[in-house]
């Protein structure tokens, strides 16, 4: 198994933990779940709003599950060129976090709506780290 495949397996495992947390333990502050948002707990006081928020959380989990399963199919059946292209698509999709989500979570973090404080910075660095590892895996695969 090449470096690119190992990176994809690692990402699949991390995202699988995130999906399980979102579906079964959304209150947790682990695995990038929604327990870090103070509004999650506050929404419970308003059942209509909480149901809507839960729907969106499950929607995110379902979308992540689609990505995971597609990556699994690519991992077991695709050649190296397809894996490189899929990983490049993963870079673009992951980088989209910095377009809308990062400014919003940073705003909420600065307004003390997230606990622990500075979570947005940690999350941003973690996602940037994913992107760097994906790009490195592509380069190693293409250049070696």
Protein backbone atom coordinates (compact mmCIF):
# COMPACT_ATOMS: atom_id res chain seq x y z
CA UNK A 1 0.00 0.00 0.00
CA UNK A 2 1.48 3.32 -1.07
CA UNK A 3 1.74 6.56 0.89
CA UNK A 4 -1.31 8.05 -0.85
CA UNK A 5 -3.45 5.04 0.09
CA UNK A 6 -2.23 5.25 3.70
CA UNK A 7 -3.19 8.93 3.83
CA UNK A 8 -6.65 8.10 2.47
CA UNK A 9 -7.09 5.30 5.03
CA UNK A 10 -6.09 7.70 7.81
CA UNK A 11 -8.56 10.30 6.61
CA UNK A 12 -11.31 7.68 6.31
CA UNK A 13 -10.70 6.57 9.91
CA UNK A 14 -10.70 10.13 11.26
CA UNK A 15 -13.84 11.08 9.38
CA UNK A 16 -15.53 7.85 10.42
CA UNK A 17 -14.97 8.78 14.06
CA UNK A 18 -16.46 12.19 13.30
CA UNK A 19 -19.53 10.64 11.65
CA UNK A 20 -20.09 8.30 14.60
CA UNK A 21 -19.83 11.22 17.01
CA UNK A 22 -22.25 13.34 14.99
CA UNK A 23 -24.83 10.54 14.76
CA UNK A 24 -24.53 9.05 18.25
CA UNK A 25 -22.79 11.58 20.56
CA UNK A 26 -23.32 15.06 19.12
CA UNK A 27 -22.93 16.57 22.61
CA UNK A 28 -19.28 15.54 22.72
CA UNK A 29 -16.47 18.03 22.24
CA UNK A 30 -14.35 15.35 20.61
CA UNK A 31 -14.05 14.43 16.95
CA UNK A 32 -15.12 17.88 15.76
CA UNK A 33 -18.65 17.33 17.03
CA UNK A 34 -21.11 20.09 17.89
CA UNK A 35 -20.68 20.01 21.67
CA UNK A 36 -18.18 22.87 21.37
CA UNK A 37 -20.95 25.25 20.28
CA UNK A 38 -22.83 26.86 23.15
CA UNK A 39 -25.81 27.30 20.83
CA UNK A 40 -26.13 23.50 20.63
CA UNK A 41 -27.00 23.31 24.30
CA UNK A 42 -29.13 26.47 24.14
CA UNK A 43 -31.13 25.07 21.23
CA UNK A 44 -32.39 22.28 23.48
CA UNK A 45 -34.60 24.84 25.27
CA UNK A 46 -36.45 25.34 21.96
CA UNK A 47 -37.56 21.95 20.60
CA UNK A 48 -38.42 23.25 17.11
CA UNK A 49 -35.02 24.90 16.73
CA UNK A 50 -33.22 21.94 18.28
CA UNK A 51 -34.90 19.54 15.85
CA UNK A 52 -33.80 21.75 12.97
CA UNK A 53 -30.23 21.90 14.31
CA UNK A 54 -30.21 18.12 14.82
CA UNK A 55 -31.43 17.70 11.24
CA UNK A 56 -28.51 19.80 9.98
CA UNK A 57 -26.04 17.86 12.15
CA UNK A 58 -27.32 14.56 10.74
CA UNK A 59 -27.21 16.05 7.24
CA UNK A 60 -23.52 16.86 7.74
CA UNK A 61 -22.90 13.36 9.08
CA UNK A 62 -24.67 11.85 6.07
CA UNK A 63 -22.65 13.96 3.66
CA UNK A 64 -19.43 12.93 5.37
CA UNK A 65 -20.56 9.31 5.12
CA UNK A 66 -21.00 9.71 1.36
CA UNK A 67 -17.43 11.04 1.08
CA UNK A 68 -16.10 8.19 3.21
CA UNK A 69 -17.83 5.51 1.18
CA UNK A 70 -16.75 7.04 -2.12
CA UNK A 71 -13.17 7.21 -0.85
CA UNK A 72 -13.40 3.54 0.17
CA UNK A 73 -14.55 2.60 -3.33
CA UNK A 74 -11.70 4.62 -4.84
CA UNK A 75 -9.22 3.11 -2.39
CA UNK A 76 -10.06 -0.49 -3.22
CA UNK A 77 -10.80 -0.25 -6.93
CA UNK A 78 -8.99 2.71 -8.48
CA UNK A 79 -5.55 2.95 -10.04
CA UNK A 80 -2.96 5.44 -8.76
CA UNK A 81 -3.93 8.14 -11.27
CA UNK A 82 -7.54 8.08 -10.11
CA UNK A 83 -6.41 8.15 -6.46
CA UNK A 84 -4.27 11.21 -7.22
CA UNK A 85 -7.20 12.96 -8.89
CA UNK A 86 -9.56 12.00 -6.07
CA UNK A 87 -7.08 13.35 -3.52
CA UNK A 88 -6.76 16.58 -5.51
CA UNK A 89 -10.56 16.87 -5.38
CA UNK A 90 -10.33 16.22 -1.64
CA UNK A 91 -7.85 19.11 -1.34
CA UNK A 92 -10.27 21.46 -3.07
CA UNK A 93 -13.26 20.26 -1.07
CA UNK A 94 -11.37 20.49 2.21
CA UNK A 95 -10.00 23.94 1.36
CA UNK A 96 -13.57 25.19 0.91
CA UNK A 97 -13.71 25.23 4.73
CA UNK A 98 -11.74 28.48 4.63
CA UNK A 99 -14.28 30.19 2.35
CA UNK A 100 -17.41 30.16 4.53
CA UNK A 101 -17.02 27.94 7.58
CA UNK A 102 -13.77 29.30 9.01
CA UNK A 103 -14.85 32.97 9.02
CA UNK A 104 -18.09 31.96 10.72
CA UNK A 105 -16.53 29.76 13.40
CA UNK A 106 -13.85 32.39 14.04
CA UNK A 107 -16.60 34.99 14.52
CA UNK A 108 -18.43 32.71 16.96
CA UNK A 109 -15.17 31.96 18.77
CA UNK A 110 -14.41 35.67 19.20
CA UNK A 111 -17.94 36.18 20.54
CA UNK A 112 -17.34 33.44 23.17
CA UNK A 113 -19.97 31.19 21.59
CA UNK A 114 -17.57 28.25 21.47
CA UNK A 115 -15.89 26.38 24.27
CA UNK A 116 -12.97 25.89 24.53
CA UNK A 117 -11.81 29.34 23.52
CA UNK A 118 -9.63 29.51 20.37
CA UNK A 119 -11.18 26.30 19.04
CA UNK A 120 -11.48 27.95 15.62
CA UNK A 121 -7.72 28.39 15.46
CA UNK A 122 -7.08 24.75 16.37
CA UNK A 123 -9.68 23.56 13.85
CA UNK A 124 -8.25 25.81 11.13
CA UNK A 125 -4.72 24.50 11.74
CA UNK A 126 -5.98 20.91 11.77
CA UNK A 127 -7.75 21.35 8.44
CA UNK A 128 -4.74 23.13 6.97
CA UNK A 129 -2.69 20.15 8.17
CA UNK A 130 -5.00 17.79 6.28
CA UNK A 131 -4.54 19.82 3.13
CA UNK A 132 -0.75 19.83 3.49
CA UNK A 133 -0.70 16.05 4.02
CA UNK A 134 -2.99 15.49 1.02
CA UNK A 135 -0.78 17.66 -1.21
CA UNK A 136 2.36 15.93 0.08
CA UNK A 137 0.81 12.53 -0.65
CA UNK A 138 -0.03 13.65 -4.19
CA UNK A 139 3.50 14.94 -4.74
CA UNK A 140 5.13 11.80 -3.34
CA UNK A 141 2.95 9.64 -5.57
CA UNK A 142 3.51 11.70 -8.72
CA UNK A 143 7.21 12.40 -8.25
CA UNK A 144 8.40 9.01 -6.94
